[in-house]
Amino acid sequence: MFLSLLFIILVIFVSMILIFLNYLMSKKEFLDREKVSSFECGFDVLSSSRLPFSIHFFMISILFLVFDVEVVFLIPLINSFLNLNLFEWMFMSLMVLMILYWGLEFEKFEGSLSWIF
């Protein structure tokens, strides 16, 4: 009984020492601007909310999302190789890749991929 009481007192004492050391070494700025403000995609929240936003950045992110999702369609082609003969598999793979390529050429023709306005 005495040993368990001694152990509990020791644990509480070590915990209090660690909490006190943490308090001494911690950063004392409680009103840190970055920690208090919300993060909104790199925009400064304390400035005007009517700043111009580049539509080109938005278009590139949408293109990345679309082509990233379309690449997911390539994964079933690997599994379908076992179920189809070689000619059918090559035809299906070529069709999926051609759709991806035509989409890329359309975006290049439209000018969405050029960074210079």
PDB file of N, CA and C in Angstrom:
ATOM      1  N   MET A   1       0.819  -1.187   0.000  1.00  0.00           N
ATOM      2  CA  MET A   1       0.000   0.000   0.000  1.00  0.00           C
ATOM      3  C   MET A   1       0.865   1.254   0.000  1.00  0.00           C
ATOM      4  N   PHE A   2       1.896   1.193   0.810  1.00  0.00           N
ATOM      5  CA  PHE A   2       2.789   2.338   0.898  1.00  0.00           C
ATOM      6  C   PHE A   2       3.516   2.576  -0.423  1.00  0.00           C
ATOM      7  N   LEU A   3       3.911   1.485  -1.107  1.00  0.00           N
ATOM      8  CA  LEU A   3       4.627   1.624  -2.384  1.00  0.00           C
ATOM      9  C   LEU A   3       3.721   2.198  -3.473  1.00  0.00           C
ATOM     10  N   SER A   4       2.470   1.790  -3.501  1.00  0.00           N
ATOM     11  CA  SER A   4       1.561   2.333  -4.510  1.00  0.00           C
ATOM     12  C   SER A   4       1.283   3.811  -4.264  1.00  0.00           C
ATOM     13  N   LEU A   5       1.172   4.210  -3.003  1.00  0.00           N
ATOM     14  CA  LEU A   5       0.979   5.623  -2.679  1.00  0.00           C
ATOM     15  C   LEU A   5       2.216   6.431  -3.051  1.00  0.00           C
ATOM     16  N   LEU A   6       3.376   5.869  -2.790  1.00  0.00           N
ATOM     17  CA  LEU A   6       4.624   6.524  -3.158  1.00  0.00           C
ATOM     18  C   LEU A   6       4.743   6.648  -4.680  1.00  0.00           C
ATOM     19  N   PHE A   7       4.334   5.625  -5.386  1.00  0.00           N
ATOM     20  CA  PHE A   7       4.382   5.650  -6.850  1.00  0.00           C
ATOM     21  C   PHE A   7       3.431   6.712  -7.404  1.00  0.00           C
ATOM     22  N   ILE A   8       2.244   6.826  -6.864  1.00  0.00           N
ATOM     23  CA  ILE A   8       1.274   7.831  -7.314  1.00  0.00           C
ATOM     24  C   ILE A   8       1.811   9.240  -7.070  1.00  0.00           C
ATOM     25  N   ILE A   9       2.413   9.463  -5.917  1.00  0.00           N
ATOM     26  CA  ILE A   9       2.989  10.771  -5.606  1.00  0.00           C
ATOM     27  C   ILE A   9       4.144  11.085  -6.561  1.00  0.00           C
ATOM     28  N   LEU A  10       4.957  10.085  -6.861  1.00  0.00           N
ATOM     29  CA  LEU A  10       6.068  10.263  -7.794  1.00  0.00           C
ATOM     30  C   LEU A  10       5.575  10.600  -9.196  1.00  0.00           C
ATOM     31  N   VAL A  11       4.533   9.920  -9.654  1.00  0.00           N
ATOM     32  CA  VAL A  11       3.972  10.191 -10.979  1.00  0.00           C
ATOM     33  C   VAL A  11       3.401  11.598 -11.038  1.00  0.00           C
ATOM     34  N   ILE A  12       2.687  12.012 -10.005  1.00  0.00           N
ATOM     35  CA  ILE A  12       2.128  13.368  -9.974  1.00  0.00           C
ATOM     36  C   ILE A  12       3.245  14.406  -9.945  1.00  0.00           C
ATOM     37  N   PHE A  13       4.296  14.145  -9.182  1.00  0.00           N
ATOM     38  CA  PHE A  13       5.417  15.068  -9.091  1.00  0.00           C
ATOM     39  C   PHE A  13       6.136  15.199 -10.435  1.00  0.00           C
ATOM     40  N   VAL A  14       6.411  14.093 -11.103  1.00  0.00           N
ATOM     41  CA  VAL A  14       7.071  14.136 -12.416  1.00  0.00           C
ATOM     42  C   VAL A  14       6.175  14.830 -13.442  1.00  0.00           C
ATOM     43  N   SER A  15       4.885  14.587 -13.366  1.00  0.00           N
ATOM     44  CA  SER A  15       3.958  15.250 -14.290  1.00  0.00           C
ATOM     45  C   SER A  15       3.953  16.754 -14.085  1.00  0.00           C
ATOM     46  N   MET A  16       3.946  17.181 -12.847  1.00  0.00           N
ATOM     47  CA  MET A  16       3.965  18.616 -12.559  1.00  0.00           C
ATOM     48  C   MET A  16       5.264  19.260 -13.018  1.00  0.00           C
ATOM     49  N   ILE A  17       6.380  18.569 -12.865  1.00  0.00           N
ATOM     50  CA  ILE A  17       7.661  19.098 -13.339  1.00  0.00           C
ATOM     51  C   ILE A  17       7.638  19.239 -14.859  1.00  0.00           C
ATOM     52  N   LEU A  18       7.107  18.243 -15.563  1.00  0.00           N
ATOM     53  CA  LEU A  18       7.053  18.317 -17.022  1.00  0.00           C
ATOM     54  C   LEU A  18       6.119  19.431 -17.495  1.00  0.00           C
ATOM     55  N   ILE A  19       5.001  19.608 -16.829  1.00  0.00           N
ATOM     56  CA  ILE A  19       4.089  20.697 -17.187  1.00  0.00           C
ATOM     57  C   ILE A  19       4.759  22.049 -16.959  1.00  0.00           C
ATOM     58  N   PHE A  20       5.487  22.185 -15.851  1.00  0.00           N
ATOM     59  CA  PHE A  20       6.178  23.426 -15.563  1.00  0.00           C
ATOM     60  C   PHE A  20       7.281  23.698 -16.585  1.00  0.00           C
ATOM     61  N   LEU A  21       8.043  22.677 -16.975  1.00  0.00           N
ATOM     62  CA  LEU A  21       9.070  22.843 -18.006  1.00  0.00           C
ATOM     63  C   LEU A  21       8.456  23.217 -19.349  1.00  0.00           C
ATOM     64  N   ASN A  22       7.322  22.641 -19.667  1.00  0.00           N
ATOM     65  CA  ASN A  22       6.626  22.977 -20.902  1.00  0.00           C
ATOM     66  C   ASN A  22       6.197  24.441 -20.889  1.00  0.00           C
ATOM     67  N   TYR A  23       5.717  24.898 -19.757  1.00  0.00           N
ATOM     68  CA  TYR A  23       5.304  26.297 -19.630  1.00  0.00           C
ATOM     69  C   TYR A  23       6.491  27.241 -19.782  1.00  0.00           C
ATOM     70  N   LEU A  24       7.636  26.867 -19.243  1.00  0.00           N
ATOM     71  CA  LEU A  24       8.825  27.714 -19.344  1.00  0.00           C
ATOM     72  C   LEU A  24       9.358  27.792 -20.777  1.00  0.00           C
ATOM     73  N   MET A  25       9.315  26.689 -21.499  1.00  0.00           N
ATOM     74  CA  MET A  25       9.898  26.650 -22.836  1.00  0.00           C
ATOM     75  C   MET A  25       8.917  27.014 -23.944  1.00  0.00           C
ATOM     76  N   SER A  26       7.662  27.134 -23.631  1.00  0.00           N
ATOM     77  CA  SER A  26       6.669  27.384 -24.678  1.00  0.00           C
ATOM     78  C   SER A  26       6.739  28.825 -25.157  1.00  0.00           C
ATOM     79  N   LYS A  27       6.189  29.041 -26.351  1.00  0.00           N
ATOM     80  CA  LYS A  27       6.141  30.372 -26.944  1.00  0.00           C
ATOM     81  C   LYS A  27       5.081  31.182 -26.206  1.00  0.00           C
ATOM     82  N   LYS A  28       5.414  32.401 -25.857  1.00  0.00           N
ATOM     83  CA  LYS A  28       4.538  33.197 -25.022  1.00  0.00           C
ATOM     84  C   LYS A  28       3.556  34.069 -25.805  1.00  0.00           C
ATOM     85  N   GLU A  29       3.576  34.014 -27.128  1.00  0.00           N
ATOM     86  CA  GLU A  29       2.679  34.848 -27.917  1.00  0.00           C
ATOM     87  C   GLU A  29       1.316  34.167 -28.036  1.00  0.00           C
ATOM     88  N   PHE A  30       0.394  34.603 -27.229  1.00  0.00           N
ATOM     89  CA  PHE A  30      -0.941  34.021 -27.267  1.00  0.00           C
ATOM     90  C   PHE A  30      -1.781  34.623 -28.384  1.00  0.00           C
ATOM     91  N   LEU A  31      -1.445  35.820 -28.819  1.00  0.00           N
ATOM     92  CA  LEU A  31      -2.189  36.480 -29.891  1.00  0.00           C
ATOM     93  C   LEU A  31      -1.411  36.405 -31.198  1.00  0.00           C
ATOM     94  N   ASP A  32      -0.914  35.232 -31.516  1.00  0.00           N
ATOM     95  CA  ASP A  32      -0.185  35.031 -32.762  1.00  0.00           C
ATOM     96  C   ASP A  32      -1.150  35.156 -33.933  1.00  0.00           C
ATOM     97  N   ARG A  33      -0.841  36.002 -34.889  1.00  0.00           N
ATOM     98  CA  ARG A  33      -1.762  36.322 -35.985  1.00  0.00           C
ATOM     99  C   ARG A  33      -2.085  35.091 -36.842  1.00  0.00           C
ATOM    100  N   GLU A  34      -1.080  34.268 -37.112  1.00  0.00           N
ATOM    101  CA  GLU A  34      -1.304  33.100 -37.970  1.00  0.00           C
ATOM    102  C   GLU A  34      -2.145  32.035 -37.284  1.00  0.00           C
ATOM    103  N   LYS A  35      -2.011  31.928 -35.981  1.00  0.00           N
ATOM    104  CA  LYS A  35      -2.770  30.900 -35.274  1.00  0.00           C
ATOM    105  C   LYS A  35      -4.203  31.325 -35.002  1.00  0.00           C
ATOM    106  N   VAL A  36      -4.441  32.623 -34.849  1.00  0.00           N
ATOM    107  CA  VAL A  36      -5.775  33.105 -34.526  1.00  0.00           C
ATOM    108  C   VAL A  36      -6.641  33.201 -35.781  1.00  0.00           C
ATOM    109  N   SER A  37      -6.026  33.536 -36.926  1.00  0.00           N
ATOM    110  CA  SER A  37      -6.810  33.728 -38.149  1.00  0.00           C
ATOM    111  C   SER A  37      -7.053  32.397 -38.849  1.00  0.00           C
ATOM    112  N   SER A  38      -8.111  32.366 -39.642  1.00  0.00           N
ATOM    113  CA  SER A  38      -8.399  31.163 -40.415  1.00  0.00           C
ATOM    114  C   SER A  38      -7.601  31.207 -41.711  1.00  0.00           C
ATOM    115  N   PHE A  39      -7.268  30.042 -42.222  1.00  0.00           N
ATOM    116  CA  PHE A  39      -6.479  29.954 -43.443  1.00  0.00           C
ATOM    117  C   PHE A  39      -7.418  29.689 -44.610  1.00  0.00           C
ATOM    118  N   GLU A  40      -7.436  30.592 -45.566  1.00  0.00           N
ATOM    119  CA  GLU A  40      -8.312  30.461 -46.725  1.00  0.00           C
ATOM    120  C   GLU A  40      -7.484  30.472 -48.004  1.00  0.00           C
ATOM    121  N   CYS A  41      -6.929  29.363 -48.352  1.00  0.00           N
ATOM    122  CA  CYS A  41      -6.226  29.176 -49.625  1.00  0.00           C
ATOM    123  C   CYS A  41      -5.122  30.203 -49.854  1.00  0.00           C
ATOM    124  N   GLY A  42      -4.441  30.607 -48.833  1.00  0.00           N
ATOM    125  CA  GLY A  42      -3.326  31.515 -48.989  1.00  0.00           C
ATOM    126  C   GLY A  42      -3.702  32.971 -49.067  1.00  0.00           C
ATOM    127  N   PHE A  43      -4.973  33.311 -48.991  1.00  0.00           N
ATOM    128  CA  PHE A  43      -5.386  34.698 -49.032  1.00  0.00           C
ATOM    129  C   PHE A  43      -5.327  35.293 -47.634  1.00  0.00           C
ATOM    130  N   ASP A  44      -4.934  36.534 -47.553  1.00  0.00           N
ATOM    131  CA  ASP A  44      -4.873  37.229 -46.273  1.00  0.00           C
ATOM    132  C   ASP A  44      -6.295  37.614 -45.876  1.00  0.00           C
ATOM    133  N   VAL A  45      -6.771  37.105 -44.748  1.00  0.00           N
ATOM    134  CA  VAL A  45      -8.159  37.336 -44.348  1.00  0.00           C
ATOM    135  C   VAL A  45      -8.381  38.740 -43.807  1.00  0.00           C
ATOM    136  N   LEU A  46      -7.318  39.435 -43.448  1.00  0.00           N
ATOM    137  CA  LEU A  46      -7.478  40.779 -42.904  1.00  0.00           C
ATOM    138  C   LEU A  46      -7.544  41.840 -43.992  1.00  0.00           C
ATOM    139  N   SER A  47      -7.284  41.461 -45.233  1.00  0.00           N
ATOM    140  CA  SER A  47      -7.377  42.417 -46.330  1.00  0.00           C
ATOM    141  C   SER A  47      -8.770  42.324 -46.960  1.00  0.00           C
ATOM    142  N   SER A  48      -8.960  43.055 -48.021  1.00  0.00           N
ATOM    143  CA  SER A  48     -10.260  43.088 -48.683  1.00  0.00           C
ATOM    144  C   SER A  48     -10.596  41.725 -49.285  1.00  0.00           C
ATOM    145  N   SER A  49     -11.852  41.346 -49.196  1.00  0.00           N
ATOM    146  CA  SER A  49     -12.271  40.062 -49.759  1.00  0.00           C
ATOM    147  C   SER A  49     -12.630  40.179 -51.237  1.00  0.00           C
ATOM    148  N   ARG A  50     -12.512  41.352 -51.801  1.00  0.00           N
ATOM    149  CA  ARG A  50     -12.859  41.576 -53.204  1.00  0.00           C
ATOM    150  C   ARG A  50     -11.634  41.667 -54.103  1.00  0.00           C
ATOM    151  N   LEU A  51     -10.562  40.976 -53.729  1.00  0.00           N
ATOM    152  CA  LEU A  51      -9.366  40.980 -54.551  1.00  0.00           C
ATOM    153  C   LEU A  51      -9.615  40.165 -55.815  1.00  0.00           C
ATOM    154  N   PRO A  52      -9.009  40.553 -56.918  1.00  0.00           N
ATOM    155  CA  PRO A  52      -9.201  39.778 -58.149  1.00  0.00           C
ATOM    156  C   PRO A  52      -8.577  38.383 -58.027  1.00  0.00           C
ATOM    157  N   PHE A  53      -9.275  37.420 -58.534  1.00  0.00           N
ATOM    158  CA  PHE A  53      -8.820  36.031 -58.487  1.00  0.00           C
ATOM    159  C   PHE A  53      -8.567  35.568 -59.913  1.00  0.00           C
ATOM    160  N   SER A  54      -7.423  34.965 -60.122  1.00  0.00           N
ATOM    161  CA  SER A  54      -7.053  34.517 -61.456  1.00  0.00           C
ATOM    162  C   SER A  54      -7.902  33.305 -61.857  1.00  0.00           C
ATOM    163  N   ILE A  55      -8.676  33.482 -62.910  1.00  0.00           N
ATOM    164  CA  ILE A  55      -9.497  32.373 -63.409  1.00  0.00           C
ATOM    165  C   ILE A  55      -8.621  31.291 -64.029  1.00  0.00           C
ATOM    166  N   HIS A  56      -7.420  31.676 -64.427  1.00  0.00           N
ATOM    167  CA  HIS A  56      -6.507  30.701 -65.023  1.00  0.00           C
ATOM    168  C   HIS A  56      -6.085  29.652 -63.982  1.00  0.00           C
ATOM    169  N   PHE A  57      -5.841  30.084 -62.758  1.00  0.00           N
ATOM    170  CA  PHE A  57      -5.522  29.146 -61.681  1.00  0.00           C
ATOM    171  C   PHE A  57      -6.683  28.178 -61.459  1.00  0.00           C
ATOM    172  N   PHE A  58      -7.889  28.686 -61.484  1.00  0.00           N
ATOM    173  CA  PHE A  58      -9.071  27.849 -61.314  1.00  0.00           C
ATOM    174  C   PHE A  58      -9.190  26.834 -62.449  1.00  0.00           C
ATOM    175  N   MET A  59      -8.951  27.275 -63.692  1.00  0.00           N
ATOM    176  CA  MET A  59      -9.057  26.372 -64.843  1.00  0.00           C
ATOM    177  C   MET A  59      -8.002  25.269 -64.787  1.00  0.00           C
ATOM    178  N   ILE A  60      -6.794  25.602 -64.379  1.00  0.00           N
ATOM    179  CA  ILE A  60      -5.747  24.578 -64.282  1.00  0.00           C
ATOM    180  C   ILE A  60      -6.114  23.557 -63.207  1.00  0.00           C
ATOM    181  N   SER A  61      -6.681  23.999 -62.095  1.00  0.00           N
ATOM    182  CA  SER A  61      -7.064  23.047 -61.052  1.00  0.00           C
ATOM    183  C   SER A  61      -8.212  22.148 -61.520  1.00  0.00           C
ATOM    184  N   ILE A  62      -9.162  22.703 -62.272  1.00  0.00           N
ATOM    185  CA  ILE A  62     -10.255  21.884 -62.802  1.00  0.00           C
ATOM    186  C   ILE A  62      -9.717  20.889 -63.822  1.00  0.00           C
ATOM    187  N   LEU A  63      -8.784  21.318 -64.676  1.00  0.00           N
ATOM    188  CA  LEU A  63      -8.183  20.395 -65.647  1.00  0.00           C
ATOM    189  C   LEU A  63      -7.444  19.265 -64.943  1.00  0.00           C
ATOM    190  N   PHE A  64      -6.712  19.604 -63.898  1.00  0.00           N
ATOM    191  CA  PHE A  64      -6.019  18.559 -63.151  1.00  0.00           C
ATOM    192  C   PHE A  64      -7.015  17.567 -62.567  1.00  0.00           C
ATOM    193  N   LEU A  65      -8.099  18.078 -62.020  1.00  0.00           N
ATOM    194  CA  LEU A  65      -9.105  17.204 -61.423  1.00  0.00           C
ATOM    195  C   LEU A  65      -9.734  16.288 -62.475  1.00  0.00           C
ATOM    196  N   VAL A  66     -10.080  16.846 -63.625  1.00  0.00           N
ATOM    197  CA  VAL A  66     -10.719  16.053 -64.675  1.00  0.00           C
ATOM    198  C   VAL A  66      -9.770  14.978 -65.190  1.00  0.00           C
ATOM    199  N   PHE A  67      -8.527  15.356 -65.502  1.00  0.00           N
ATOM    200  CA  PHE A  67      -7.605  14.359 -66.034  1.00  0.00           C
ATOM    201  C   PHE A  67      -7.161  13.375 -64.962  1.00  0.00           C
ATOM    202  N   ASP A  68      -7.161  13.770 -63.719  1.00  0.00           N
ATOM    203  CA  ASP A  68      -6.834  12.843 -62.655  1.00  0.00           C
ATOM    204  C   ASP A  68      -7.929  11.798 -62.502  1.00  0.00           C
ATOM    205  N   VAL A  69      -9.176  12.213 -62.619  1.00  0.00           N
ATOM    206  CA  VAL A  69     -10.287  11.262 -62.536  1.00  0.00           C
ATOM    207  C   VAL A  69     -10.299  10.358 -63.760  1.00  0.00           C
ATOM    208  N   GLU A  70      -9.954  10.903 -64.923  1.00  0.00           N
ATOM    209  CA  GLU A  70      -9.953  10.075 -66.133  1.00  0.00           C
ATOM    210  C   GLU A  70      -8.855   9.029 -66.101  1.00  0.00           C
ATOM    211  N   VAL A  71      -7.768   9.300 -65.418  1.00  0.00           N
ATOM    212  CA  VAL A  71      -6.704   8.304 -65.298  1.00  0.00           C
ATOM    213  C   VAL A  71      -7.192   7.109 -64.493  1.00  0.00           C
ATOM    214  N   VAL A  72      -8.152   7.323 -63.604  1.00  0.00           N
ATOM    215  CA  VAL A  72      -8.718   6.216 -62.832  1.00  0.00           C
ATOM    216  C   VAL A  72      -9.404   5.212 -63.764  1.00  0.00           C
ATOM    217  N   PHE A  73      -9.881   5.682 -64.921  1.00  0.00           N
ATOM    218  CA  PHE A  73     -10.489   4.771 -65.880  1.00  0.00           C
ATOM    219  C   PHE A  73      -9.478   3.825 -66.505  1.00  0.00           C
ATOM    220  N   LEU A  74      -8.195   4.125 -66.386  1.00  0.00           N
ATOM    221  CA  LEU A  74      -7.175   3.233 -66.929  1.00  0.00           C
ATOM    222  C   LEU A  74      -6.950   2.009 -66.053  1.00  0.00           C
ATOM    223  N   ILE A  75      -7.282   2.103 -64.776  1.00  0.00           N
ATOM    224  CA  ILE A  75      -7.041   0.982 -63.864  1.00  0.00           C
ATOM    225  C   ILE A  75      -7.869  -0.256 -64.228  1.00  0.00           C
ATOM    226  N   PRO A  76      -9.158  -0.134 -64.581  1.00  0.00           N
ATOM    227  CA  PRO A  76      -9.884  -1.353 -64.976  1.00  0.00           C
ATOM    228  C   PRO A  76      -9.355  -1.999 -66.253  1.00  0.00           C
ATOM    229  N   LEU A  77      -8.614  -1.256 -67.055  1.00  0.00           N
ATOM    230  CA  LEU A  77      -8.028  -1.870 -68.249  1.00  0.00           C
ATOM    231  C   LEU A  77      -7.018  -2.945 -67.881  1.00  0.00           C
ATOM    232  N   ILE A  78      -6.347  -2.775 -66.766  1.00  0.00           N
ATOM    233  CA  ILE A  78      -5.381  -3.786 -66.317  1.00  0.00           C
ATOM    234  C   ILE A  78      -6.119  -5.058 -65.911  1.00  0.00           C
ATOM    235  N   ASN A  79      -7.225  -4.905 -65.207  1.00  0.00           N
ATOM    236  CA  ASN A  79      -7.994  -6.084 -64.788  1.00  0.00           C
ATOM    237  C   ASN A  79      -8.712  -6.738 -65.958  1.00  0.00           C
ATOM    238  N   SER A  80      -9.117  -5.942 -66.935  1.00  0.00           N
ATOM    239  CA  SER A  80      -9.843  -6.518 -68.063  1.00  0.00           C
ATOM    240  C   SER A  80      -8.934  -7.279 -69.025  1.00  0.00           C
ATOM    241  N   PHE A  81      -7.640  -7.164 -68.873  1.00  0.00           N
ATOM    242  CA  PHE A  81      -6.718  -7.882 -69.746  1.00  0.00           C
ATOM    243  C   PHE A  81      -6.889  -9.395 -69.631  1.00  0.00           C
ATOM    244  N   LEU A  82      -7.251  -9.858 -68.454  1.00  0.00           N
ATOM    245  CA  LEU A  82      -7.428 -11.297 -68.252  1.00  0.00           C
ATOM    246  C   LEU A  82      -8.748 -11.807 -68.828  1.00  0.00           C
ATOM    247  N   ASN A  83      -9.750 -10.943 -68.968  1.00  0.00           N
ATOM    248  CA  ASN A  83     -11.069 -11.372 -69.421  1.00  0.00           C
ATOM    249  C   ASN A  83     -11.281 -11.207 -70.920  1.00  0.00           C
ATOM    250  N   LEU A  84     -10.506 -10.375 -71.580  1.00  0.00           N
ATOM    251  CA  LEU A  84     -10.683 -10.109 -73.008  1.00  0.00           C
ATOM    252  C   LEU A  84      -9.515 -10.695 -73.784  1.00  0.00           C
ATOM    253  N   ASN A  85      -9.766 -10.934 -75.068  1.00  0.00           N
ATOM    254  CA  ASN A  85      -8.627 -11.349 -75.883  1.00  0.00           C
ATOM    255  C   ASN A  85      -7.788 -10.119 -76.225  1.00  0.00           C
ATOM    256  N   LEU A  86      -6.662 -10.324 -76.825  1.00  0.00           N
ATOM    257  CA  LEU A  86      -5.703  -9.243 -77.037  1.00  0.00           C
ATOM    258  C   LEU A  86      -6.257  -8.141 -77.933  1.00  0.00           C
ATOM    259  N   PHE A  87      -6.993  -8.505 -78.990  1.00  0.00           N
ATOM    260  CA  PHE A  87      -7.529  -7.492 -79.906  1.00  0.00           C
ATOM    261  C   PHE A  87      -8.572  -6.609 -79.215  1.00  0.00           C
ATOM    262  N   GLU A  88      -9.490  -7.213 -78.466  1.00  0.00           N
ATOM    263  CA  GLU A  88     -10.507  -6.434 -77.762  1.00  0.00           C
ATOM    264  C   GLU A  88      -9.874  -5.518 -76.707  1.00  0.00           C
ATOM    265  N   TRP A  89      -8.881  -6.046 -75.996  1.00  0.00           N
ATOM    266  CA  TRP A  89      -8.234  -5.252 -74.970  1.00  0.00           C
ATOM    267  C   TRP A  89      -7.483  -4.071 -75.583  1.00  0.00           C
ATOM    268  N   MET A  90      -6.784  -4.297 -76.686  1.00  0.00           N
ATOM    269  CA  MET A  90      -6.059  -3.214 -77.356  1.00  0.00           C
ATOM    270  C   MET A  90      -7.031  -2.159 -77.883  1.00  0.00           C
ATOM    271  N   PHE A  91      -8.176  -2.603 -78.416  1.00  0.00           N
ATOM    272  CA  PHE A  91      -9.166  -1.661 -78.940  1.00  0.00           C
ATOM    273  C   PHE A  91      -9.742  -0.796 -77.814  1.00  0.00           C
ATOM    274  N   MET A  92     -10.103  -1.418 -76.695  1.00  0.00           N
ATOM    275  CA  MET A  92     -10.651  -0.668 -75.568  1.00  0.00           C
ATOM    276  C   MET A  92      -9.607   0.291 -74.977  1.00  0.00           C
ATOM    277  N   SER A  93      -8.374  -0.169 -74.861  1.00  0.00           N
ATOM    278  CA  SER A  93      -7.316   0.694 -74.337  1.00  0.00           C
ATOM    279  C   SER A  93      -7.073   1.870 -75.265  1.00  0.00           C
ATOM    280  N   LEU A  94      -7.068   1.621 -76.556  1.00  0.00           N
ATOM    281  CA  LEU A  94      -6.855   2.690 -77.523  1.00  0.00           C
ATOM    282  C   LEU A  94      -7.989   3.706 -77.482  1.00  0.00           C
ATOM    283  N   MET A  95      -9.210   3.255 -77.306  1.00  0.00           N
ATOM    284  CA  MET A  95     -10.341   4.183 -77.242  1.00  0.00           C
ATOM    285  C   MET A  95     -10.252   5.085 -76.002  1.00  0.00           C
ATOM    286  N   VAL A  96      -9.930   4.517 -74.852  1.00  0.00           N
ATOM    287  CA  VAL A  96      -9.817   5.320 -73.630  1.00  0.00           C
ATOM    288  C   VAL A  96      -8.675   6.320 -73.757  1.00  0.00           C
ATOM    289  N   LEU A  97      -7.541   5.867 -74.277  1.00  0.00           N
ATOM    290  CA  LEU A  97      -6.400   6.770 -74.433  1.00  0.00           C
ATOM    291  C   LEU A  97      -6.668   7.844 -75.480  1.00  0.00           C
ATOM    292  N   MET A  98      -7.405   7.527 -76.520  1.00  0.00           N
ATOM    293  CA  MET A  98      -7.735   8.539 -77.535  1.00  0.00           C
ATOM    294  C   MET A  98      -8.681   9.591 -76.968  1.00  0.00           C
ATOM    295  N   ILE A  99      -9.617   9.189 -76.138  1.00  0.00           N
ATOM    296  CA  ILE A  99     -10.509  10.175 -75.503  1.00  0.00           C
ATOM    297  C   ILE A  99      -9.702  11.113 -74.608  1.00  0.00           C
ATOM    298  N   LEU A 100      -8.757  10.565 -73.844  1.00  0.00           N
ATOM    299  CA  LEU A 100      -7.894  11.410 -73.027  1.00  0.00           C
ATOM    300  C   LEU A 100      -7.054  12.348 -73.893  1.00  0.00           C
ATOM    301  N   TYR A 101      -6.524  11.836 -74.980  1.00  0.00           N
ATOM    302  CA  TYR A 101      -5.693  12.658 -75.857  1.00  0.00           C
ATOM    303  C   TYR A 101      -6.521  13.748 -76.537  1.00  0.00           C
ATOM    304  N   TRP A 102      -7.724  13.432 -76.987  1.00  0.00           N
ATOM    305  CA  TRP A 102      -8.569  14.457 -77.620  1.00  0.00           C
ATOM    306  C   TRP A 102      -8.943  15.551 -76.625  1.00  0.00           C
ATOM    307  N   GLY A 103      -9.193  15.173 -75.387  1.00  0.00           N
ATOM    308  CA  GLY A 103      -9.467  16.181 -74.366  1.00  0.00           C
ATOM    309  C   GLY A 103      -8.270  17.086 -74.121  1.00  0.00           C
ATOM    310  N   LEU A 104      -7.077  16.496 -74.112  1.00  0.00           N
ATOM    311  CA  LEU A 104      -5.866  17.296 -73.940  1.00  0.00           C
ATOM    312  C   LEU A 104      -5.644  18.236 -75.124  1.00  0.00           C
ATOM    313  N   GLU A 105      -5.863  17.744 -76.327  1.00  0.00           N
ATOM    314  CA  GLU A 105      -5.706  18.602 -77.514  1.00  0.00           C
ATOM    315  C   GLU A 105      -6.751  19.710 -77.537  1.00  0.00           C
ATOM    316  N   PHE A 106      -7.961  19.424 -77.095  1.00  0.00           N
ATOM    317  CA  PHE A 106      -8.987  20.462 -77.038  1.00  0.00           C
ATOM    318  C   PHE A 106      -8.592  21.560 -76.056  1.00  0.00           C
ATOM    319  N   GLU A 107      -8.066  21.169 -74.905  1.00  0.00           N
ATOM    320  CA  GLU A 107      -7.642  22.164 -73.923  1.00  0.00           C
ATOM    321  C   GLU A 107      -6.458  22.969 -74.439  1.00  0.00           C
ATOM    322  N   LYS A 108      -5.565  22.329 -75.175  1.00  0.00           N
ATOM    323  CA  LYS A 108      -4.437  23.053 -75.747  1.00  0.00           C
ATOM    324  C   LYS A 108      -4.918  24.021 -76.829  1.00  0.00           C
ATOM    325  N   PHE A 109      -5.865  23.585 -77.655  1.00  0.00           N
ATOM    326  CA  PHE A 109      -6.420  24.445 -78.707  1.00  0.00           C
ATOM    327  C   PHE A 109      -7.196  25.620 -78.117  1.00  0.00           C
ATOM    328  N   GLU A 110      -7.907  25.381 -77.018  1.00  0.00           N
ATOM    329  CA  GLU A 110      -8.674  26.434 -76.360  1.00  0.00           C
ATOM    330  C   GLU A 110      -7.771  27.457 -75.689  1.00  0.00           C
ATOM    331  N   GLY A 111      -6.556  27.056 -75.340  1.00  0.00           N
ATOM    332  CA  GLY A 111      -5.614  27.979 -74.697  1.00  0.00           C
ATOM    333  C   GLY A 111      -5.619  27.897 -73.195  1.00  0.00           C
ATOM    334  N   SER A 112      -6.257  26.907 -72.629  1.00  0.00           N
ATOM    335  CA  SER A 112      -6.310  26.787 -71.170  1.00  0.00           C
ATOM    336  C   SER A 112      -4.983  26.353 -70.574  1.00  0.00           C
ATOM    337  N   LEU A 113      -4.131  25.748 -71.380  1.00  0.00           N
ATOM    338  CA  LEU A 113      -2.878  25.222 -70.857  1.00  0.00           C
ATOM    339  C   LEU A 113      -1.725  26.207 -70.972  1.00  0.00           C
ATOM    340  N   SER A 114      -1.920  27.347 -71.640  1.00  0.00           N
ATOM    341  CA  SER A 114      -0.814  28.298 -71.747  1.00  0.00           C
ATOM    342  C   SER A 114      -0.838  29.226 -70.546  1.00  0.00           C
ATOM    343  N   TRP A 115       0.330  29.481 -69.966  1.00  0.00           N
ATOM    344  CA  TRP A 115       0.429  30.303 -68.770  1.00  0.00           C
ATOM    345  C   TRP A 115       0.542  31.785 -69.108  1.00  0.00           C
ATOM    346  N   ILE A 116       0.779  32.110 -70.354  1.00  0.00           N
ATOM    347  CA  ILE A 116       0.916  33.508 -70.765  1.00  0.00           C
ATOM    348  C   ILE A 116      -0.424  33.981 -71.287  1.00  0.00           C
ATOM    349  N   PHE A 117      -0.898  35.119 -70.779  1.00  0.00           N
ATOM    350  CA  PHE A 117      -2.213  35.632 -71.184  1.00  0.00           C
ATOM    351  C   PHE A 117      -2.087  36.465 -72.426  1.00  0.00           C
TER     352      PHE A 117
END
